[in-house]
Amino acid sequence: MALVWRLIKTEMRKHLGSVTIRFLLTALVAASPYAFSFLGKWAVDEALQVSGPPKPKAVVEEQVQQARAVDVPVAVEWKAKTTEQKLRLLGIFFAASIGIHLLVTALSALSELLNSRVVQHMTCDLREGLHDKLQRLDAAVFGKEQIGQWMTRVMDDTAGIPGNLNNLVVNLTTQLMMLVLG
């Protein structure tokens, strides 16, 4: 575990700007289901008006008179929208849904592009550091194992660590956003 924290402190610090941007992009993408939920609520409440039919005008006027008699603020009267207004609101709903979906797709693609860049740079940095460390070792160390095993360890281990660290950032961000917004 100490190795993981040391890698996070040294390697992630070098790429802090990119990791921070990726963190923010991931947070926005993780919050997108809540935007769709809010948009759906708006469509049902405003465009479809599922709350029921309007009250007869006489009942509404009587309620307004009763509210004024006891000095209660009068609530906004529910008015039926015309079919054209409802269709326009549904059009806005579908356009907003498509817009949000396209925005989330673009943010996800940008996040993955940034992830690839950070992972490649971190892998390169790790390999350079490991190469320098191996250069300082005594030659007798290399006689105990085959060179192919050393190469496999260097190539595979240095390729896996940055990807796992970046996935940790993404998963942690997603879970935190779900916890905060949920």
N, C-alpha and C. Protein backbone atom coordinates (compact mmCIF):
# COMPACT_ATOMS: atom_id res chain seq x y z
N MET A 1 0.83 -1.20 0.00
CA MET A 1 0.00 0.00 0.00
C MET A 1 0.87 1.26 0.00
N ALA A 2 2.02 1.17 0.66
CA ALA A 2 2.91 2.33 0.69
C ALA A 2 3.41 2.66 -0.72
N LEU A 3 3.62 1.62 -1.53
CA LEU A 3 4.06 1.85 -2.90
C LEU A 3 2.99 2.60 -3.70
N VAL A 4 1.72 2.26 -3.48
CA VAL A 4 0.64 2.93 -4.19
C VAL A 4 0.60 4.40 -3.83
N TRP A 5 0.70 4.71 -2.53
CA TRP A 5 0.68 6.12 -2.11
C TRP A 5 1.88 6.87 -2.64
N ARG A 6 3.03 6.22 -2.68
CA ARG A 6 4.23 6.87 -3.21
C ARG A 6 4.06 7.16 -4.70
N LEU A 7 3.48 6.21 -5.43
CA LEU A 7 3.23 6.44 -6.85
C LEU A 7 2.22 7.56 -7.06
N ILE A 8 1.19 7.58 -6.23
CA ILE A 8 0.19 8.64 -6.36
C ILE A 8 0.84 10.00 -6.09
N LYS A 9 1.65 10.07 -5.05
CA LYS A 9 2.28 11.34 -4.71
C LYS A 9 3.28 11.80 -5.76
N THR A 10 4.07 10.88 -6.30
CA THR A 10 5.11 11.29 -7.24
C THR A 10 4.60 11.38 -8.67
N GLU A 11 3.97 10.33 -9.16
CA GLU A 11 3.58 10.29 -10.57
C GLU A 11 2.34 11.11 -10.85
N MET A 12 1.35 11.03 -9.98
CA MET A 12 0.11 11.78 -10.23
C MET A 12 0.35 13.28 -10.05
N ARG A 13 1.30 13.65 -9.20
CA ARG A 13 1.59 15.07 -8.99
C ARG A 13 2.14 15.71 -10.26
N LYS A 14 2.92 14.94 -11.03
CA LYS A 14 3.48 15.47 -12.28
C LYS A 14 2.37 15.82 -13.28
N HIS A 15 1.26 15.09 -13.18
CA HIS A 15 0.17 15.26 -14.14
C HIS A 15 -1.10 15.77 -13.44
N LEU A 16 -0.89 16.59 -12.42
CA LEU A 16 -2.00 17.04 -11.59
C LEU A 16 -3.04 17.82 -12.38
N GLY A 17 -2.62 18.68 -13.30
CA GLY A 17 -3.56 19.46 -14.09
C GLY A 17 -4.47 18.57 -14.93
N SER A 18 -3.87 17.62 -15.62
CA SER A 18 -4.65 16.71 -16.46
C SER A 18 -5.56 15.82 -15.62
N VAL A 19 -5.06 15.35 -14.50
CA VAL A 19 -5.87 14.51 -13.62
C VAL A 19 -7.03 15.31 -13.03
N THR A 20 -6.80 16.58 -12.70
CA THR A 20 -7.87 17.42 -12.17
C THR A 20 -8.95 17.66 -13.22
N ILE A 21 -8.54 17.94 -14.44
CA ILE A 21 -9.51 18.12 -15.52
C ILE A 21 -10.30 16.83 -15.74
N ARG A 22 -9.61 15.70 -15.71
CA ARG A 22 -10.30 14.41 -15.87
C ARG A 22 -11.26 14.18 -14.72
N PHE A 23 -10.87 14.56 -13.53
CA PHE A 23 -11.74 14.44 -12.35
C PHE A 23 -13.03 15.24 -12.56
N LEU A 24 -12.89 16.48 -13.04
CA LEU A 24 -14.06 17.34 -13.27
C LEU A 24 -14.93 16.79 -14.40
N LEU A 25 -14.32 16.33 -15.48
CA LEU A 25 -15.09 15.75 -16.57
C LEU A 25 -15.86 14.51 -16.12
N THR A 26 -15.20 13.69 -15.32
CA THR A 26 -15.85 12.49 -14.81
C THR A 26 -17.00 12.85 -13.89
N ALA A 27 -16.82 13.89 -13.09
CA ALA A 27 -17.90 14.34 -12.20
C ALA A 27 -19.10 14.80 -13.01
N LEU A 28 -18.86 15.54 -14.09
CA LEU A 28 -19.97 15.99 -14.94
C LEU A 28 -20.68 14.82 -15.61
N VAL A 29 -19.92 13.87 -16.10
CA VAL A 29 -20.52 12.70 -16.74
C VAL A 29 -21.31 11.88 -15.71
N ALA A 30 -20.78 11.76 -14.50
CA ALA A 30 -21.48 11.01 -13.45
C ALA A 30 -22.76 11.70 -13.02
N ALA A 31 -22.82 13.01 -13.16
CA ALA A 31 -24.03 13.76 -12.77
C ALA A 31 -25.08 13.78 -13.87
N SER A 32 -24.75 13.31 -15.06
CA SER A 32 -25.69 13.39 -16.18
C SER A 32 -26.99 12.62 -15.97
N PRO A 33 -27.01 11.47 -15.32
CA PRO A 33 -28.32 10.82 -15.11
C PRO A 33 -29.29 11.69 -14.32
N TYR A 34 -28.76 12.50 -13.43
CA TYR A 34 -29.63 13.38 -12.65
C TYR A 34 -30.20 14.50 -13.52
N ALA A 35 -29.44 14.95 -14.52
CA ALA A 35 -29.95 15.95 -15.45
C ALA A 35 -31.09 15.36 -16.28
N PHE A 36 -30.94 14.11 -16.70
CA PHE A 36 -32.01 13.46 -17.45
C PHE A 36 -33.25 13.28 -16.58
N SER A 37 -33.06 12.96 -15.31
CA SER A 37 -34.20 12.80 -14.40
C SER A 37 -34.93 14.12 -14.23
N PHE A 38 -34.18 15.19 -14.04
CA PHE A 38 -34.79 16.51 -13.88
C PHE A 38 -35.54 16.91 -15.15
N LEU A 39 -34.95 16.63 -16.29
CA LEU A 39 -35.58 16.95 -17.56
C LEU A 39 -36.87 16.14 -17.76
N GLY A 40 -36.83 14.87 -17.37
CA GLY A 40 -38.03 14.03 -17.46
C GLY A 40 -39.14 14.52 -16.56
N LYS A 41 -38.77 14.95 -15.35
CA LYS A 41 -39.77 15.51 -14.43
C LYS A 41 -40.40 16.75 -15.03
N TRP A 42 -39.59 17.59 -15.62
CA TRP A 42 -40.10 18.81 -16.24
C TRP A 42 -41.05 18.47 -17.39
N ALA A 43 -40.69 17.47 -18.20
CA ALA A 43 -41.54 17.10 -19.33
C ALA A 43 -42.89 16.59 -18.85
N VAL A 44 -42.88 15.78 -17.81
CA VAL A 44 -44.14 15.25 -17.29
C VAL A 44 -44.98 16.35 -16.66
N ASP A 45 -44.34 17.21 -15.88
CA ASP A 45 -45.09 18.26 -15.18
C ASP A 45 -45.57 19.37 -16.09
N GLU A 46 -44.74 19.80 -17.02
CA GLU A 46 -45.08 20.97 -17.84
C GLU A 46 -45.69 20.60 -19.18
N ALA A 47 -45.08 19.68 -19.89
CA ALA A 47 -45.55 19.39 -21.24
C ALA A 47 -46.74 18.43 -21.22
N LEU A 48 -46.64 17.37 -20.44
CA LEU A 48 -47.71 16.38 -20.44
C LEU A 48 -48.81 16.72 -19.43
N GLN A 49 -48.48 17.46 -18.41
CA GLN A 49 -49.41 17.90 -17.36
C GLN A 49 -50.21 16.72 -16.82
N VAL A 50 -49.52 15.83 -16.16
CA VAL A 50 -50.14 14.63 -15.63
C VAL A 50 -50.86 14.90 -14.32
N SER A 51 -50.80 16.12 -13.81
CA SER A 51 -51.40 16.42 -12.51
C SER A 51 -52.92 16.38 -12.53
N GLY A 52 -53.56 16.26 -13.66
CA GLY A 52 -55.00 16.13 -13.72
C GLY A 52 -55.64 17.26 -14.48
N PRO A 53 -56.95 17.13 -14.69
CA PRO A 53 -57.66 18.15 -15.46
C PRO A 53 -57.83 19.43 -14.64
N PRO A 54 -58.04 20.53 -15.33
CA PRO A 54 -58.23 21.78 -14.60
C PRO A 54 -59.56 21.77 -13.85
N LYS A 55 -59.59 22.50 -12.75
CA LYS A 55 -60.82 22.61 -11.98
C LYS A 55 -61.78 23.54 -12.71
N PRO A 56 -63.07 23.34 -12.49
CA PRO A 56 -64.03 24.26 -13.10
C PRO A 56 -63.79 25.68 -12.59
N LYS A 57 -64.11 26.65 -13.44
CA LYS A 57 -63.83 28.05 -13.14
C LYS A 57 -64.54 28.50 -11.85
N ALA A 58 -65.73 28.03 -11.61
CA ALA A 58 -66.47 28.42 -10.39
C ALA A 58 -65.75 27.94 -9.14
N VAL A 59 -65.19 26.72 -9.16
CA VAL A 59 -64.47 26.18 -8.00
C VAL A 59 -63.20 26.99 -7.75
N VAL A 60 -62.51 27.35 -8.81
CA VAL A 60 -61.28 28.13 -8.68
C VAL A 60 -61.59 29.50 -8.10
N GLU A 61 -62.63 30.15 -8.61
CA GLU A 61 -62.99 31.48 -8.09
C GLU A 61 -63.39 31.41 -6.63
N GLU A 62 -64.08 30.36 -6.24
CA GLU A 62 -64.48 30.20 -4.84
C GLU A 62 -63.25 30.02 -3.95
N GLN A 63 -62.27 29.23 -4.40
CA GLN A 63 -61.05 29.02 -3.62
C GLN A 63 -60.24 30.31 -3.50
N VAL A 64 -60.22 31.11 -4.58
CA VAL A 64 -59.52 32.39 -4.55
C VAL A 64 -60.19 33.32 -3.54
N GLN A 65 -61.52 33.37 -3.53
CA GLN A 65 -62.25 34.23 -2.59
C GLN A 65 -61.99 33.79 -1.15
N GLN A 66 -61.98 32.49 -0.89
CA GLN A 66 -61.72 31.97 0.46
C GLN A 66 -60.30 32.33 0.89
N ALA A 67 -59.34 32.22 -0.02
CA ALA A 67 -57.96 32.53 0.31
C ALA A 67 -57.81 34.01 0.62
N ARG A 68 -58.48 34.87 -0.11
CA ARG A 68 -58.39 36.30 0.13
C ARG A 68 -59.08 36.69 1.43
N ALA A 69 -60.11 35.98 1.80
CA ALA A 69 -60.85 36.29 3.03
C ALA A 69 -59.99 36.07 4.26
N VAL A 70 -59.10 35.11 4.23
CA VAL A 70 -58.24 34.84 5.39
C VAL A 70 -56.80 35.32 5.15
N ASP A 71 -56.59 36.15 4.18
CA ASP A 71 -55.28 36.73 3.85
C ASP A 71 -54.20 35.68 3.56
N VAL A 72 -54.56 34.65 2.82
CA VAL A 72 -53.61 33.64 2.38
C VAL A 72 -53.23 33.98 0.95
N PRO A 73 -51.93 33.94 0.62
CA PRO A 73 -51.55 34.23 -0.76
C PRO A 73 -52.23 33.26 -1.73
N VAL A 74 -52.66 33.77 -2.83
CA VAL A 74 -53.37 32.96 -3.82
C VAL A 74 -52.33 32.21 -4.66
N ALA A 75 -52.55 30.91 -4.77
CA ALA A 75 -51.65 30.09 -5.58
C ALA A 75 -51.90 30.36 -7.05
N VAL A 76 -50.89 30.07 -7.84
CA VAL A 76 -51.02 30.25 -9.28
C VAL A 76 -52.04 29.24 -9.79
N GLU A 77 -52.96 29.71 -10.59
CA GLU A 77 -54.00 28.84 -11.12
C GLU A 77 -53.42 27.95 -12.21
N TRP A 78 -53.81 26.68 -12.18
CA TRP A 78 -53.38 25.72 -13.19
C TRP A 78 -54.19 25.98 -14.44
N LYS A 79 -53.52 26.21 -15.53
CA LYS A 79 -54.20 26.49 -16.80
C LYS A 79 -53.80 25.43 -17.81
N ALA A 80 -54.78 24.93 -18.49
CA ALA A 80 -54.49 23.93 -19.53
C ALA A 80 -53.77 24.60 -20.69
N LYS A 81 -52.76 23.96 -21.20
CA LYS A 81 -52.03 24.48 -22.34
C LYS A 81 -52.69 23.93 -23.60
N THR A 82 -52.52 24.66 -24.66
CA THR A 82 -53.05 24.19 -25.93
C THR A 82 -52.18 23.06 -26.45
N THR A 83 -52.68 22.33 -27.41
CA THR A 83 -51.94 21.21 -27.99
C THR A 83 -50.65 21.69 -28.64
N GLU A 84 -50.70 22.85 -29.28
CA GLU A 84 -49.49 23.39 -29.91
C GLU A 84 -48.42 23.71 -28.88
N GLN A 85 -48.83 24.27 -27.73
CA GLN A 85 -47.86 24.60 -26.68
C GLN A 85 -47.25 23.32 -26.10
N LYS A 86 -48.09 22.30 -25.92
CA LYS A 86 -47.57 21.02 -25.40
C LYS A 86 -46.59 20.39 -26.37
N LEU A 87 -46.91 20.43 -27.67
CA LEU A 87 -46.01 19.86 -28.67
C LEU A 87 -44.69 20.64 -28.72
N ARG A 88 -44.76 21.95 -28.57
CA ARG A 88 -43.54 22.78 -28.56
C ARG A 88 -42.68 22.42 -27.35
N LEU A 89 -43.32 22.24 -26.18
CA LEU A 89 -42.57 21.86 -24.98
C LEU A 89 -41.97 20.46 -25.12
N LEU A 90 -42.69 19.54 -25.74
CA LEU A 90 -42.13 18.21 -25.98
C LEU A 90 -40.96 18.28 -26.96
N GLY A 91 -41.06 19.15 -27.95
CA GLY A 91 -39.94 19.35 -28.88
C GLY A 91 -38.71 19.88 -28.15
N ILE A 92 -38.94 20.82 -27.24
CA ILE A 92 -37.83 21.35 -26.43
C ILE A 92 -37.24 20.24 -25.57
N PHE A 93 -38.10 19.40 -24.99
CA PHE A 93 -37.64 18.28 -24.17
C PHE A 93 -36.75 17.34 -24.98
N PHE A 94 -37.19 16.96 -26.18
CA PHE A 94 -36.39 16.04 -27.00
C PHE A 94 -35.08 16.70 -27.46
N ALA A 95 -35.14 17.96 -27.81
CA ALA A 95 -33.92 18.67 -28.22
C ALA A 95 -32.94 18.76 -27.04
N ALA A 96 -33.46 19.06 -25.85
CA ALA A 96 -32.59 19.14 -24.67
C ALA A 96 -32.02 17.76 -24.33
N SER A 97 -32.82 16.71 -24.47
CA SER A 97 -32.33 15.35 -24.21
C SER A 97 -31.20 14.99 -25.16
N ILE A 98 -31.38 15.28 -26.43
CA ILE A 98 -30.34 14.99 -27.42
C ILE A 98 -29.10 15.84 -27.15
N GLY A 99 -29.31 17.11 -26.80
CA GLY A 99 -28.18 17.99 -26.49
C GLY A 99 -27.39 17.49 -25.29
N ILE A 100 -28.09 17.08 -24.23
CA ILE A 100 -27.40 16.57 -23.05
C ILE A 100 -26.66 15.29 -23.40
N HIS A 101 -27.29 14.43 -24.17
CA HIS A 101 -26.64 13.18 -24.56
C HIS A 101 -25.37 13.44 -25.38
N LEU A 102 -25.44 14.37 -26.32
CA LEU A 102 -24.27 14.71 -27.12
C LEU A 102 -23.17 15.33 -26.26
N LEU A 103 -23.56 16.18 -25.32
CA LEU A 103 -22.59 16.80 -24.42
C LEU A 103 -21.90 15.75 -23.56
N VAL A 104 -22.68 14.81 -23.02
CA VAL A 104 -22.10 13.75 -22.19
C VAL A 104 -21.18 12.87 -23.02
N THR A 105 -21.57 12.58 -24.24
CA THR A 105 -20.71 11.77 -25.12
C THR A 105 -19.40 12.50 -25.41
N ALA A 106 -19.48 13.80 -25.69
CA ALA A 106 -18.26 14.58 -25.96
C ALA A 106 -17.38 14.66 -24.72
N LEU A 107 -17.98 14.87 -23.55
CA LEU A 107 -17.20 14.93 -22.32
C LEU A 107 -16.54 13.59 -22.01
N SER A 108 -17.26 12.50 -22.26
CA SER A 108 -16.69 11.16 -22.05
C SER A 108 -15.51 10.92 -22.99
N ALA A 109 -15.68 11.30 -24.25
CA ALA A 109 -14.59 11.12 -25.21
C ALA A 109 -13.38 11.96 -24.83
N LEU A 110 -13.61 13.20 -24.41
CA LEU A 110 -12.51 14.06 -23.98
C LEU A 110 -11.82 13.48 -22.75
N SER A 111 -12.62 12.94 -21.83
CA SER A 111 -12.06 12.33 -20.63
C SER A 111 -11.18 11.13 -20.99
N GLU A 112 -11.65 10.29 -21.91
CA GLU A 112 -10.86 9.13 -22.32
C GLU A 112 -9.60 9.53 -23.07
N LEU A 113 -9.70 10.57 -23.88
CA LEU A 113 -8.52 11.08 -24.58
C LEU A 113 -7.48 11.58 -23.58
N LEU A 114 -7.95 12.32 -22.61
CA LEU A 114 -7.06 12.82 -21.55
C LEU A 114 -6.47 11.66 -20.76
N ASN A 115 -7.29 10.64 -20.51
CA ASN A 115 -6.82 9.46 -19.79
C ASN A 115 -5.69 8.78 -20.56
N SER A 116 -5.87 8.61 -21.86
CA SER A 116 -4.83 7.97 -22.67
C SER A 116 -3.52 8.76 -22.61
N ARG A 117 -3.64 10.07 -22.69
CA ARG A 117 -2.46 10.93 -22.65
C ARG A 117 -1.73 10.79 -21.31
N VAL A 118 -2.49 10.86 -20.22
CA VAL A 118 -1.88 10.76 -18.89
C VAL A 118 -1.26 9.39 -18.68
N VAL A 119 -1.97 8.33 -19.07
CA VAL A 119 -1.45 6.97 -18.89
C VAL A 119 -0.16 6.78 -19.69
N GLN A 120 -0.12 7.27 -20.92
CA GLN A 120 1.09 7.12 -21.74
C GLN A 120 2.27 7.88 -21.13
N HIS A 121 2.03 9.09 -20.66
CA HIS A 121 3.12 9.87 -20.06
C HIS A 121 3.59 9.23 -18.75
N MET A 122 2.64 8.74 -17.94
CA MET A 122 3.03 8.10 -16.68
C MET A 122 3.81 6.82 -16.95
N THR A 123 3.38 6.05 -17.95
CA THR A 123 4.09 4.82 -18.30
C THR A 123 5.50 5.13 -18.76
N CYS A 124 5.64 6.16 -19.57
CA CYS A 124 6.97 6.57 -20.04
C CYS A 124 7.85 6.99 -18.86
N ASP A 125 7.27 7.79 -17.95
CA ASP A 125 8.04 8.23 -16.78
C ASP A 125 8.46 7.06 -15.90
N LEU A 126 7.55 6.11 -15.69
CA LEU A 126 7.88 4.93 -14.88
C LEU A 126 8.98 4.11 -15.54
N ARG A 127 8.88 3.92 -16.84
CA ARG A 127 9.89 3.12 -17.54
C ARG A 127 11.24 3.80 -17.53
N GLU A 128 11.26 5.12 -17.68
CA GLU A 128 12.54 5.83 -17.60
C GLU A 128 13.14 5.71 -16.20
N GLY A 129 12.32 5.86 -15.18
CA GLY A 129 12.82 5.73 -13.81
C GLY A 129 13.33 4.33 -13.52
N LEU A 130 12.59 3.32 -14.01
CA LEU A 130 13.01 1.94 -13.80
C LEU A 130 14.29 1.63 -14.59
N HIS A 131 14.40 2.20 -15.78
CA HIS A 131 15.62 2.01 -16.57
C HIS A 131 16.83 2.59 -15.84
N ASP A 132 16.66 3.79 -15.29
CA ASP A 132 17.76 4.40 -14.54
C ASP A 132 18.13 3.54 -13.32
N LYS A 133 17.12 3.01 -12.64
CA LYS A 133 17.38 2.17 -11.47
C LYS A 133 18.10 0.87 -11.88
N LEU A 134 17.68 0.27 -12.97
CA LEU A 134 18.31 -0.97 -13.43
C LEU A 134 19.75 -0.73 -13.89
N GLN A 135 20.02 0.45 -14.41
CA GLN A 135 21.38 0.78 -14.84
C GLN A 135 22.33 0.85 -13.66
N ARG A 136 21.82 1.21 -12.49
CA ARG A 136 22.67 1.34 -11.30
C ARG A 136 22.89 0.01 -10.58
N LEU A 137 22.13 -1.04 -10.94
CA LEU A 137 22.28 -2.33 -10.27
C LEU A 137 23.57 -3.03 -10.70
N ASP A 138 24.03 -3.91 -9.86
CA ASP A 138 25.21 -4.71 -10.14
C ASP A 138 24.86 -5.73 -11.23
N ALA A 139 25.78 -6.02 -12.11
CA ALA A 139 25.54 -6.93 -13.23
C ALA A 139 25.26 -8.35 -12.76
N ALA A 140 25.71 -8.71 -11.56
CA ALA A 140 25.48 -10.07 -11.05
C ALA A 140 23.99 -10.32 -10.79
N VAL A 141 23.23 -9.28 -10.54
CA VAL A 141 21.80 -9.43 -10.29
C VAL A 141 21.10 -9.99 -11.53
N PHE A 142 21.56 -9.60 -12.71
CA PHE A 142 20.91 -10.02 -13.94
C PHE A 142 21.24 -11.46 -14.32
N GLY A 143 22.25 -12.04 -13.71
CA GLY A 143 22.64 -13.41 -14.01
C GLY A 143 21.72 -14.43 -13.35
N LYS A 144 20.96 -14.02 -12.35
CA LYS A 144 20.09 -14.95 -11.62
C LYS A 144 18.82 -15.29 -12.39
N GLU A 145 18.34 -14.38 -13.19
CA GLU A 145 17.12 -14.62 -13.96
C GLU A 145 17.41 -14.31 -15.43
N GLN A 146 16.54 -14.85 -16.29
CA GLN A 146 16.71 -14.60 -17.72
C GLN A 146 16.31 -13.15 -18.03
N ILE A 147 16.96 -12.62 -19.05
CA ILE A 147 16.70 -11.22 -19.44
C ILE A 147 15.25 -11.04 -19.88
N GLY A 148 14.68 -12.05 -20.52
CA GLY A 148 13.29 -11.97 -20.96
C GLY A 148 12.33 -11.76 -19.81
N GLN A 149 12.62 -12.37 -18.66
CA GLN A 149 11.77 -12.17 -17.48
C GLN A 149 11.87 -10.73 -16.97
N TRP A 150 13.07 -10.19 -16.99
CA TRP A 150 13.25 -8.79 -16.58
C TRP A 150 12.47 -7.87 -17.52
N MET A 151 12.59 -8.12 -18.82
CA MET A 151 11.91 -7.27 -19.80
C MET A 151 10.39 -7.36 -19.65
N THR A 152 9.89 -8.56 -19.41
CA THR A 152 8.45 -8.74 -19.24
C THR A 152 7.96 -7.98 -18.02
N ARG A 153 8.70 -8.09 -16.94
CA ARG A 153 8.30 -7.36 -15.72
C ARG A 153 8.29 -5.86 -15.95
N VAL A 154 9.35 -5.38 -16.58
CA VAL A 154 9.45 -3.93 -16.82
C VAL A 154 8.31 -3.46 -17.71
N MET A 155 8.07 -4.16 -18.80
CA MET A 155 7.05 -3.71 -19.76
C MET A 155 5.63 -3.87 -19.21
N ASP A 156 5.32 -5.03 -18.65
CA ASP A 156 3.95 -5.29 -18.19
C ASP A 156 3.60 -4.49 -16.94
N ASP A 157 4.49 -4.49 -15.97
CA ASP A 157 4.18 -3.81 -14.71
C ASP A 157 4.08 -2.30 -14.88
N THR A 158 4.97 -1.74 -15.68
CA THR A 158 4.91 -0.28 -15.87
C THR A 158 3.72 0.13 -16.72
N ALA A 159 3.20 -0.78 -17.55
CA ALA A 159 2.02 -0.46 -18.35
C ALA A 159 0.74 -0.56 -17.53
N GLY A 160 0.71 -1.45 -16.55
CA GLY A 160 -0.51 -1.66 -15.78
C GLY A 160 -0.75 -0.66 -14.66
N ILE A 161 0.29 -0.16 -14.07
CA ILE A 161 0.15 0.72 -12.90
C ILE A 161 -0.56 2.03 -13.24
N PRO A 162 -0.15 2.79 -14.26
CA PRO A 162 -0.84 4.06 -14.53
C PRO A 162 -2.32 3.88 -14.89
N GLY A 163 -2.63 2.84 -15.65
CA GLY A 163 -4.02 2.60 -16.00
C GLY A 163 -4.87 2.32 -14.78
N ASN A 164 -4.33 1.54 -13.86
CA ASN A 164 -5.06 1.24 -12.63
C ASN A 164 -5.22 2.48 -11.75
N LEU A 165 -4.20 3.32 -11.68
CA LEU A 165 -4.32 4.55 -10.89
C LEU A 165 -5.37 5.49 -11.48
N ASN A 166 -5.40 5.60 -12.80
CA ASN A 166 -6.40 6.47 -13.43
C ASN A 166 -7.80 5.89 -13.30
N ASN A 167 -7.94 4.58 -13.37
CA ASN A 167 -9.25 3.97 -13.15
C ASN A 167 -9.71 4.19 -11.71
N LEU A 168 -8.77 4.20 -10.79
CA LEU A 168 -9.09 4.50 -9.39
C LEU A 168 -9.68 5.90 -9.27
N VAL A 169 -9.08 6.86 -9.97
CA VAL A 169 -9.58 8.24 -9.94
C VAL A 169 -10.99 8.30 -10.50
N VAL A 170 -11.23 7.64 -11.62
CA VAL A 170 -12.55 7.67 -12.26
C VAL A 170 -13.59 7.00 -11.37
N ASN A 171 -13.29 5.83 -10.86
CA ASN A 171 -14.26 5.13 -10.02
C ASN A 171 -14.54 5.88 -8.73
N LEU A 172 -13.52 6.44 -8.13
CA LEU A 172 -13.71 7.22 -6.91
C LEU A 172 -14.58 8.45 -7.18
N THR A 173 -14.32 9.14 -8.27
CA THR A 173 -15.11 10.32 -8.63
C THR A 173 -16.57 9.95 -8.88
N THR A 174 -16.79 8.89 -9.64
CA THR A 174 -18.16 8.47 -9.94
C THR A 174 -18.91 8.11 -8.67
N GLN A 175 -18.28 7.36 -7.80
CA GLN A 175 -18.95 6.97 -6.57
C GLN A 175 -19.23 8.17 -5.66
N LEU A 176 -18.29 9.11 -5.59
CA LEU A 176 -18.52 10.30 -4.78
C LEU A 176 -19.67 11.15 -5.33
N MET A 177 -19.73 11.30 -6.65
CA MET A 177 -20.83 12.06 -7.24
C MET A 177 -22.17 11.39 -6.99
N MET A 178 -22.23 10.09 -7.09
CA MET A 178 -23.46 9.37 -6.84
C MET A 178 -23.87 9.50 -5.37
N LEU A 179 -22.88 9.51 -4.49
CA LEU A 179 -23.16 9.66 -3.07
C LEU A 179 -23.67 11.06 -2.75
N VAL A 180 -23.04 12.07 -3.35
CA VAL A 180 -23.43 13.46 -3.08
C VAL A 180 -24.79 13.80 -3.71
N LEU A 181 -24.98 13.41 -4.96
CA LEU A 181 -26.20 13.77 -5.66
C LEU A 181 -27.38 12.83 -5.41
N GLY A 182 -27.08 11.61 -4.98
CA GLY A 182 -28.14 10.61 -4.81
C GLY A 182 -28.80 10.76 -3.54
